[in-house]
Amino acid sequence: MVLRHIARPLLASWFVASGVQAARRPGEHVQAARQGSGLVTKALGAEPLSDKQVTTLVRAHGVAIAAAGTLLALGKAPRTSALALALLTVPLAVVNQPFTASDATREERAQRFVGNLGAIGAALIAGVDTEGRPGISWRVQQARAARVAAREARAAARAAA
């Protein structure tokens, strides 16, 4: 109950704000995205992305985060939107990891990295919260139990006849 009415919109607000900010001002994120996309394209053996492509990628990523955050805040498909937010935040954590940074930027990147890890964790917790309703595994177990009970009832009816 509390998660749905208070915590979920609070969690979503961080994602919405950061997504809108990235979509409106992609220039602040382009350098980090360029480094991350450079690693991916190099690993794939593809040509590096142009500045325009990286900017478009940053904007699209920001819009996706803002949209999923809005859905989470409104309670529309909350588990799906929370898990989408966790997945969308992984590239940010990878790009901001401080382990390969120079000493000058290591502290700043470490703070962003830890913040991204916290956001991923919070989104995962929100994504697995069933709000007291049965989850998929419970429903599958109940369906199996119903099939077994029906099979046993048919067998008992045949034996009695």
Protein backbone atom coordinates (compact mmCIF):
# COMPACT_ATOMS: atom_id res chain seq x y z
CA MET A 1 0.00 0.00 0.00
CA VAL A 2 2.70 2.49 1.00
CA LEU A 3 4.87 1.57 -1.97
CA ARG A 4 2.07 2.24 -4.39
CA HIS A 5 0.96 5.60 -3.02
CA ILE A 6 4.17 7.22 -1.80
CA ALA A 7 7.38 5.38 -2.60
CA ARG A 8 6.67 4.54 -6.22
CA PRO A 9 6.04 8.16 -7.30
CA LEU A 10 9.07 9.28 -5.30
CA LEU A 11 11.25 6.72 -7.02
CA ALA A 12 9.77 7.59 -10.39
CA SER A 13 10.44 11.31 -9.90
CA TRP A 14 14.21 10.77 -10.10
CA PHE A 15 13.87 8.83 -13.34
CA VAL A 16 11.43 11.30 -14.89
CA ALA A 17 13.59 14.30 -13.98
CA SER A 18 16.81 12.73 -15.27
CA GLY A 19 15.10 11.49 -18.44
CA VAL A 20 13.57 14.87 -19.23
CA GLN A 21 16.87 16.58 -18.52
CA ALA A 22 18.73 14.22 -20.88
CA ALA A 23 16.11 14.69 -23.60
CA ARG A 24 16.10 18.49 -23.31
CA ARG A 25 19.85 19.01 -22.81
CA PRO A 26 21.61 16.05 -24.38
CA GLY A 27 24.88 17.94 -24.65
CA GLU A 28 25.59 17.32 -20.97
CA HIS A 29 25.46 13.57 -21.57
CA VAL A 30 26.96 13.27 -25.02
CA GLN A 31 30.59 12.92 -23.91
CA ALA A 32 29.84 9.98 -21.61
CA ALA A 33 27.55 8.45 -24.22
CA ARG A 34 30.22 8.87 -26.89
CA GLN A 35 32.69 6.93 -24.73
CA GLY A 36 30.16 4.18 -24.04
CA SER A 37 29.04 3.90 -27.65
CA GLY A 38 32.68 3.89 -28.74
CA LEU A 39 33.34 0.84 -26.58
CA VAL A 40 30.31 -0.95 -28.00
CA THR A 41 31.02 -0.13 -31.64
CA LYS A 42 34.67 -1.10 -31.20
CA ALA A 43 33.67 -4.44 -29.65
CA LEU A 44 31.24 -5.05 -32.52
CA GLY A 45 33.73 -3.96 -35.16
CA ALA A 46 31.38 -1.24 -36.38
CA GLU A 47 32.04 2.36 -37.31
CA PRO A 48 31.86 4.89 -34.46
CA LEU A 49 28.63 6.85 -34.19
CA SER A 50 28.56 10.46 -35.35
CA ASP A 51 27.88 13.28 -32.89
CA LYS A 52 24.37 13.63 -34.28
CA GLN A 53 23.71 9.90 -33.80
CA VAL A 54 25.02 10.00 -30.23
CA THR A 55 22.88 13.05 -29.47
CA THR A 56 19.82 11.31 -30.89
CA LEU A 57 20.65 8.21 -28.85
CA VAL A 58 20.94 10.28 -25.65
CA ARG A 59 17.61 11.99 -26.35
CA ALA A 60 15.84 8.71 -27.13
CA HIS A 61 17.26 7.14 -23.97
CA GLY A 62 16.09 10.14 -21.94
CA VAL A 63 12.60 9.95 -23.40
CA ALA A 64 12.44 6.21 -22.69
CA ILE A 65 13.48 6.74 -19.07
CA ALA A 66 11.01 9.61 -18.62
CA ALA A 67 8.18 7.57 -20.17
CA ALA A 68 8.85 4.50 -18.04
CA GLY A 69 9.17 6.71 -14.95
CA THR A 70 5.86 8.37 -15.72
CA LEU A 71 4.18 4.98 -16.10
CA LEU A 72 5.65 3.89 -12.78
CA ALA A 73 4.47 7.07 -11.04
CA LEU A 74 0.96 6.65 -12.42
CA GLY A 75 0.86 2.97 -11.47
CA LYS A 76 0.37 1.83 -15.07
CA ALA A 77 2.16 -1.51 -15.56
CA PRO A 78 4.29 -0.76 -12.49
CA ARG A 79 6.30 -3.96 -12.46
CA THR A 80 7.09 -3.78 -16.16
CA SER A 81 7.96 -0.09 -16.06
CA ALA A 82 10.15 -0.55 -12.97
CA LEU A 83 12.07 -3.41 -14.59
CA ALA A 84 12.42 -1.34 -17.78
CA LEU A 85 13.87 1.49 -15.69
CA ALA A 86 16.37 -0.89 -14.11
CA LEU A 87 17.46 -2.09 -17.56
CA LEU A 88 17.63 1.44 -18.95
CA THR A 89 19.84 2.53 -16.06
CA VAL A 90 22.45 -0.21 -16.57
CA PRO A 91 24.15 1.62 -19.48
CA LEU A 92 24.40 4.74 -17.31
CA ALA A 93 26.11 2.77 -14.56
CA VAL A 94 28.51 1.22 -17.06
CA VAL A 95 29.41 4.58 -18.60
CA ASN A 96 29.84 6.19 -15.18
CA GLN A 97 31.90 3.41 -13.63
CA PRO A 98 34.94 4.96 -11.92
CA PHE A 99 37.36 2.08 -12.30
CA THR A 100 38.96 3.27 -15.53
CA ALA A 101 38.66 7.02 -14.86
CA SER A 102 41.54 9.38 -14.31
CA ASP A 103 42.07 10.61 -10.77
CA ALA A 104 40.55 13.99 -11.65
CA THR A 105 37.13 12.57 -12.53
CA ARG A 106 37.13 9.43 -10.39
CA GLU A 107 35.27 10.91 -7.40
CA GLU A 108 32.53 12.48 -9.53
CA ARG A 109 32.09 9.31 -11.56
CA ALA A 110 32.06 7.19 -8.40
CA GLN A 111 29.18 9.26 -7.00
CA ARG A 112 27.19 8.93 -10.23
CA PHE A 113 28.00 5.20 -10.37
CA VAL A 114 26.78 4.57 -6.83
CA GLY A 115 23.65 6.64 -7.51
CA ASN A 116 22.96 4.61 -10.64
CA LEU A 117 23.43 1.35 -8.71
CA GLY A 118 21.01 2.59 -6.07
CA ALA A 119 18.47 3.50 -8.75
CA ILE A 120 18.84 0.07 -10.36
CA GLY A 121 18.32 -1.62 -6.99
CA ALA A 122 15.29 0.47 -6.13
CA ALA A 123 13.75 -0.15 -9.56
CA LEU A 124 14.36 -3.90 -9.19
CA ILE A 125 12.67 -3.90 -5.79
CA ALA A 126 9.70 -2.00 -7.23
CA GLY A 127 9.67 -4.40 -10.18
CA VAL A 128 9.32 -7.53 -8.08
CA ASP A 129 6.81 -6.07 -5.62
CA THR A 130 3.49 -7.83 -6.07
CA GLU A 131 1.64 -5.61 -3.56
CA GLY A 132 0.44 -8.69 -1.72
CA ARG A 133 -1.06 -10.26 -4.82
CA PRO A 134 0.13 -13.68 -5.93
CA GLY A 135 3.04 -13.70 -8.32
CA ILE A 136 3.44 -15.68 -11.51
CA SER A 137 5.23 -18.60 -9.84
CA TRP A 138 2.39 -19.03 -7.33
CA ARG A 139 -0.17 -18.93 -10.14
CA VAL A 140 1.77 -21.55 -12.11
CA GLN A 141 1.95 -23.81 -9.03
CA GLN A 142 -1.79 -23.41 -8.47
CA ALA A 143 -2.56 -24.28 -12.09
CA ARG A 144 -0.39 -27.40 -11.86
CA ALA A 145 -2.06 -28.40 -8.61
CA ALA A 146 -5.50 -27.96 -10.20
CA ARG A 147 -4.51 -30.16 -13.16
CA VAL A 148 -3.16 -32.87 -10.83
CA ALA A 149 -6.31 -32.71 -8.68
CA ALA A 150 -8.54 -32.97 -11.76
CA ARG A 151 -6.53 -35.94 -13.06
CA GLU A 152 -6.77 -37.68 -9.66
CA ALA A 153 -10.51 -36.97 -9.46
CA ARG A 154 -11.04 -38.54 -12.90
CA ALA A 155 -8.99 -41.56 -11.89
CA ALA A 156 -10.97 -41.92 -8.65
CA ALA A 157 -14.26 -41.63 -10.58
CA ARG A 158 -13.15 -44.34 -13.01
CA ALA A 159 -12.07 -46.57 -10.12
CA ALA A 160 -15.40 -46.06 -8.35
CA ALA A 161 -17.40 -46.86 -11.48
